Amino acid sequence: MSYETGFFKYILYTPLTIVGAMSMYVFGGGIITLLNTFHHLFLGDFINAFVEYFITSALPPTSIGQILIQVAVGSVVAGIKWYLAVGRF
């Protein structure tokens, strides 16, 4: 199996298990929270950065779409990290 095939299998099959889906949900939530917070921090808007951090990290999702997006973001970022960490030699 090539590393590219393993990369796609990691992204597609990890969320299909209960532990994998929960792990990718938590990891994806952290990534989304950091991206939203950094946007406000770079603009110098610290109050909005704190509010955005609280909203995206402490409040539960309000739709199935938000859950699926968090799992997808977590899976893709974790897959990229796996691909870069695995030695190709």
N, C-alpha and C. Protein backbone atom coordinates (compact mmCIF):
# COMPACT_ATOMS: atom_id res chain seq x y z
N MET A 1 0.85 -1.17 0.00
CA MET A 1 0.00 0.00 0.00
C MET A 1 0.90 1.24 0.00
N SER A 2 0.61 2.18 -0.88
CA SER A 2 1.41 3.39 -0.94
C SER A 2 0.99 4.36 0.16
N TYR A 3 1.82 5.33 0.40
CA TYR A 3 1.53 6.30 1.45
C TYR A 3 0.34 7.18 1.08
N GLU A 4 0.17 7.44 -0.21
CA GLU A 4 -0.97 8.23 -0.64
C GLU A 4 -2.28 7.47 -0.39
N THR A 5 -2.28 6.18 -0.65
CA THR A 5 -3.46 5.36 -0.37
C THR A 5 -3.73 5.30 1.13
N GLY A 6 -2.67 5.16 1.92
CA GLY A 6 -2.82 5.17 3.37
C GLY A 6 -3.36 6.49 3.89
N PHE A 7 -2.94 7.57 3.25
CA PHE A 7 -3.42 8.90 3.62
C PHE A 7 -4.94 8.99 3.43
N PHE A 8 -5.42 8.56 2.28
CA PHE A 8 -6.86 8.62 2.03
C PHE A 8 -7.64 7.64 2.89
N LYS A 9 -7.06 6.47 3.16
CA LYS A 9 -7.73 5.52 4.05
C LYS A 9 -7.81 6.07 5.47
N TYR A 10 -6.77 6.76 5.90
CA TYR A 10 -6.77 7.37 7.24
C TYR A 10 -7.90 8.39 7.35
N ILE A 11 -8.02 9.22 6.33
CA ILE A 11 -9.05 10.27 6.35
C ILE A 11 -10.45 9.66 6.29
N LEU A 12 -10.64 8.65 5.47
CA LEU A 12 -11.98 8.10 5.26
C LEU A 12 -12.41 7.11 6.34
N TYR A 13 -11.50 6.28 6.82
CA TYR A 13 -11.90 5.20 7.72
C TYR A 13 -11.80 5.53 9.20
N THR A 14 -11.00 6.51 9.58
CA THR A 14 -10.89 6.86 10.99
C THR A 14 -12.21 7.32 11.58
N PRO A 15 -12.98 8.19 10.91
CA PRO A 15 -14.26 8.62 11.51
C PRO A 15 -15.34 7.54 11.55
N LEU A 16 -15.11 6.41 10.93
CA LEU A 16 -16.13 5.36 10.91
C LEU A 16 -16.19 4.55 12.20
N THR A 17 -15.18 4.66 13.04
CA THR A 17 -15.22 4.00 14.34
C THR A 17 -15.69 5.01 15.39
N ILE A 18 -16.22 4.53 16.47
CA ILE A 18 -16.73 5.43 17.51
C ILE A 18 -15.59 6.23 18.13
N VAL A 19 -14.50 5.53 18.48
CA VAL A 19 -13.37 6.22 19.09
C VAL A 19 -12.73 7.19 18.10
N GLY A 20 -12.62 6.78 16.84
CA GLY A 20 -12.05 7.66 15.82
C GLY A 20 -12.90 8.89 15.58
N ALA A 21 -14.21 8.72 15.53
CA ALA A 21 -15.11 9.86 15.31
C ALA A 21 -15.04 10.84 16.48
N MET A 22 -15.02 10.32 17.69
CA MET A 22 -14.93 11.20 18.86
C MET A 22 -13.58 11.93 18.89
N SER A 23 -12.52 11.22 18.56
CA SER A 23 -11.19 11.84 18.55
C SER A 23 -11.10 12.93 17.50
N MET A 24 -11.62 12.65 16.30
CA MET A 24 -11.58 13.64 15.23
C MET A 24 -12.52 14.81 15.51
N TYR A 25 -13.61 14.56 16.23
CA TYR A 25 -14.53 15.64 16.62
C TYR A 25 -13.82 16.61 17.58
N VAL A 26 -13.12 16.07 18.57
CA VAL A 26 -12.42 16.91 19.54
C VAL A 26 -11.25 17.63 18.86
N PHE A 27 -10.48 16.91 18.06
CA PHE A 27 -9.33 17.50 17.38
C PHE A 27 -9.78 18.57 16.38
N GLY A 28 -10.82 18.29 15.62
CA GLY A 28 -11.35 19.26 14.66
C GLY A 28 -11.91 20.49 15.34
N GLY A 29 -12.55 20.30 16.48
CA GLY A 29 -13.06 21.43 17.24
C GLY A 29 -11.94 22.34 17.70
N GLY A 30 -10.84 21.75 18.13
CA GLY A 30 -9.69 22.55 18.54
C GLY A 30 -9.09 23.33 17.39
N ILE A 31 -9.00 22.71 16.23
CA ILE A 31 -8.46 23.39 15.05
C ILE A 31 -9.36 24.54 14.63
N ILE A 32 -10.67 24.31 14.58
CA ILE A 32 -11.60 25.36 14.18
C ILE A 32 -11.59 26.50 15.19
N THR A 33 -11.52 26.17 16.47
CA THR A 33 -11.46 27.21 17.50
C THR A 33 -10.21 28.07 17.35
N LEU A 34 -9.07 27.44 17.12
CA LEU A 34 -7.84 28.21 16.95
C LEU A 34 -7.89 29.10 15.72
N LEU A 35 -8.41 28.58 14.62
CA LEU A 35 -8.49 29.39 13.40
C LEU A 35 -9.40 30.59 13.58
N ASN A 36 -10.55 30.40 14.22
CA ASN A 36 -11.46 31.52 14.44
C ASN A 36 -10.89 32.53 15.42
N THR A 37 -10.20 32.06 16.43
CA THR A 37 -9.63 32.96 17.44
C THR A 37 -8.45 33.74 16.88
N PHE A 38 -7.57 33.08 16.11
CA PHE A 38 -6.41 33.77 15.55
C PHE A 38 -6.83 34.90 14.62
N HIS A 39 -7.90 34.73 13.91
CA HIS A 39 -8.39 35.78 13.01
C HIS A 39 -8.63 37.07 13.79
N HIS A 40 -9.30 36.98 14.91
CA HIS A 40 -9.59 38.17 15.72
C HIS A 40 -8.34 38.68 16.44
N LEU A 41 -7.45 37.79 16.84
CA LEU A 41 -6.23 38.23 17.51
C LEU A 41 -5.33 39.02 16.57
N PHE A 42 -5.23 38.58 15.32
CA PHE A 42 -4.39 39.30 14.37
C PHE A 42 -4.95 40.67 14.03
N LEU A 43 -6.27 40.82 14.13
CA LEU A 43 -6.87 42.12 13.91
C LEU A 43 -6.77 43.03 15.13
N GLY A 44 -6.34 42.48 16.26
CA GLY A 44 -6.21 43.25 17.49
C GLY A 44 -7.50 43.39 18.27
N ASP A 45 -8.48 42.59 17.94
CA ASP A 45 -9.79 42.65 18.60
C ASP A 45 -9.86 41.55 19.66
N PHE A 46 -9.32 41.84 20.84
CA PHE A 46 -9.15 40.82 21.86
C PHE A 46 -10.46 40.41 22.52
N ILE A 47 -11.40 41.33 22.64
CA ILE A 47 -12.70 40.99 23.23
C ILE A 47 -13.45 40.02 22.33
N ASN A 48 -13.49 40.32 21.03
CA ASN A 48 -14.15 39.41 20.10
C ASN A 48 -13.42 38.07 20.01
N ALA A 49 -12.09 38.09 20.16
CA ALA A 49 -11.34 36.83 20.17
C ALA A 49 -11.75 35.97 21.36
N PHE A 50 -11.91 36.59 22.53
CA PHE A 50 -12.34 35.83 23.70
C PHE A 50 -13.75 35.30 23.51
N VAL A 51 -14.65 36.12 22.99
CA VAL A 51 -16.04 35.68 22.78
C VAL A 51 -16.09 34.55 21.75
N GLU A 52 -15.33 34.69 20.67
CA GLU A 52 -15.29 33.64 19.63
C GLU A 52 -14.71 32.34 20.20
N TYR A 53 -13.67 32.46 21.02
CA TYR A 53 -13.09 31.28 21.64
C TYR A 53 -14.11 30.58 22.54
N PHE A 54 -14.83 31.36 23.33
CA PHE A 54 -15.84 30.77 24.21
C PHE A 54 -16.96 30.12 23.42
N ILE A 55 -17.44 30.78 22.38
CA ILE A 55 -18.56 30.25 21.60
C ILE A 55 -18.17 28.96 20.90
N THR A 56 -16.99 28.92 20.30
CA THR A 56 -16.62 27.74 19.53
C THR A 56 -16.07 26.60 20.38
N SER A 57 -15.61 26.89 21.60
CA SER A 57 -15.03 25.80 22.39
C SER A 57 -15.95 25.32 23.51
N ALA A 58 -16.75 26.20 24.10
CA ALA A 58 -17.52 25.81 25.28
C ALA A 58 -18.97 25.45 24.96
N LEU A 59 -19.52 26.02 23.92
CA LEU A 59 -20.92 25.75 23.61
C LEU A 59 -21.05 24.54 22.69
N PRO A 60 -22.06 23.73 22.87
CA PRO A 60 -22.22 22.55 22.02
C PRO A 60 -22.68 22.94 20.61
N PRO A 61 -22.45 22.07 19.64
CA PRO A 61 -22.92 22.36 18.28
C PRO A 61 -24.44 22.38 18.23
N THR A 62 -24.98 23.16 17.31
CA THR A 62 -26.43 23.31 17.21
C THR A 62 -27.02 22.56 16.03
N SER A 63 -26.19 21.90 15.23
CA SER A 63 -26.73 21.14 14.10
C SER A 63 -25.81 19.95 13.79
N ILE A 64 -26.34 19.03 13.03
CA ILE A 64 -25.56 17.86 12.61
C ILE A 64 -24.43 18.31 11.68
N GLY A 65 -24.69 19.35 10.90
CA GLY A 65 -23.67 19.85 9.98
C GLY A 65 -22.42 20.33 10.70
N GLN A 66 -22.59 20.98 11.84
CA GLN A 66 -21.43 21.43 12.61
C GLN A 66 -20.62 20.25 13.13
N ILE A 67 -21.30 19.21 13.53
CA ILE A 67 -20.59 18.01 14.00
C ILE A 67 -19.81 17.38 12.86
N LEU A 68 -20.44 17.25 11.70
CA LEU A 68 -19.78 16.64 10.56
C LEU A 68 -18.60 17.48 10.07
N ILE A 69 -18.73 18.79 10.11
CA ILE A 69 -17.62 19.65 9.70
C ILE A 69 -16.44 19.50 10.66
N GLN A 70 -16.71 19.44 11.96
CA GLN A 70 -15.63 19.26 12.93
C GLN A 70 -14.93 17.93 12.72
N VAL A 71 -15.68 16.87 12.48
CA VAL A 71 -15.07 15.56 12.25
C VAL A 71 -14.26 15.57 10.96
N ALA A 72 -14.79 16.22 9.91
CA ALA A 72 -14.08 16.28 8.64
C ALA A 72 -12.79 17.08 8.76
N VAL A 73 -12.84 18.22 9.42
CA VAL A 73 -11.63 19.03 9.61
C VAL A 73 -10.61 18.26 10.44
N GLY A 74 -11.05 17.62 11.49
CA GLY A 74 -10.13 16.82 12.31
C GLY A 74 -9.50 15.69 11.53
N SER A 75 -10.29 15.01 10.70
CA SER A 75 -9.76 13.89 9.91
C SER A 75 -8.75 14.36 8.88
N VAL A 76 -9.03 15.45 8.20
CA VAL A 76 -8.11 15.93 7.17
C VAL A 76 -6.81 16.43 7.80
N VAL A 77 -6.90 17.20 8.86
CA VAL A 77 -5.67 17.71 9.49
C VAL A 77 -4.87 16.56 10.11
N ALA A 78 -5.55 15.63 10.75
CA ALA A 78 -4.83 14.47 11.32
C ALA A 78 -4.21 13.62 10.22
N GLY A 79 -4.91 13.47 9.09
CA GLY A 79 -4.36 12.72 7.96
C GLY A 79 -3.13 13.39 7.39
N ILE A 80 -3.16 14.70 7.27
CA ILE A 80 -1.99 15.43 6.78
C ILE A 80 -0.82 15.29 7.76
N LYS A 81 -1.12 15.40 9.05
CA LYS A 81 -0.06 15.22 10.05
C LYS A 81 0.52 13.81 9.99
N TRP A 82 -0.33 12.81 9.79
CA TRP A 82 0.15 11.43 9.68
C TRP A 82 1.04 11.28 8.46
N TYR A 83 0.60 11.83 7.33
CA TYR A 83 1.35 11.70 6.09
C TYR A 83 2.73 12.35 6.20
N LEU A 84 2.79 13.50 6.86
CA LEU A 84 4.07 14.18 7.01
C LEU A 84 4.97 13.49 8.04
N ALA A 85 4.38 12.83 9.02
CA ALA A 85 5.18 12.21 10.08
C ALA A 85 5.73 10.84 9.69
N VAL A 86 5.04 10.15 8.79
CA VAL A 86 5.48 8.81 8.40
C VAL A 86 6.67 8.92 7.46
N GLY A 87 7.70 8.19 7.75
CA GLY A 87 8.87 8.21 6.87
C GLY A 87 8.56 7.53 5.55
N ARG A 88 8.98 8.13 4.47
CA ARG A 88 8.69 7.58 3.14
C ARG A 88 9.90 6.86 2.57
N PHE A 89 10.85 6.49 3.39
CA PHE A 89 12.05 5.84 2.88
C PHE A 89 12.21 4.47 3.44
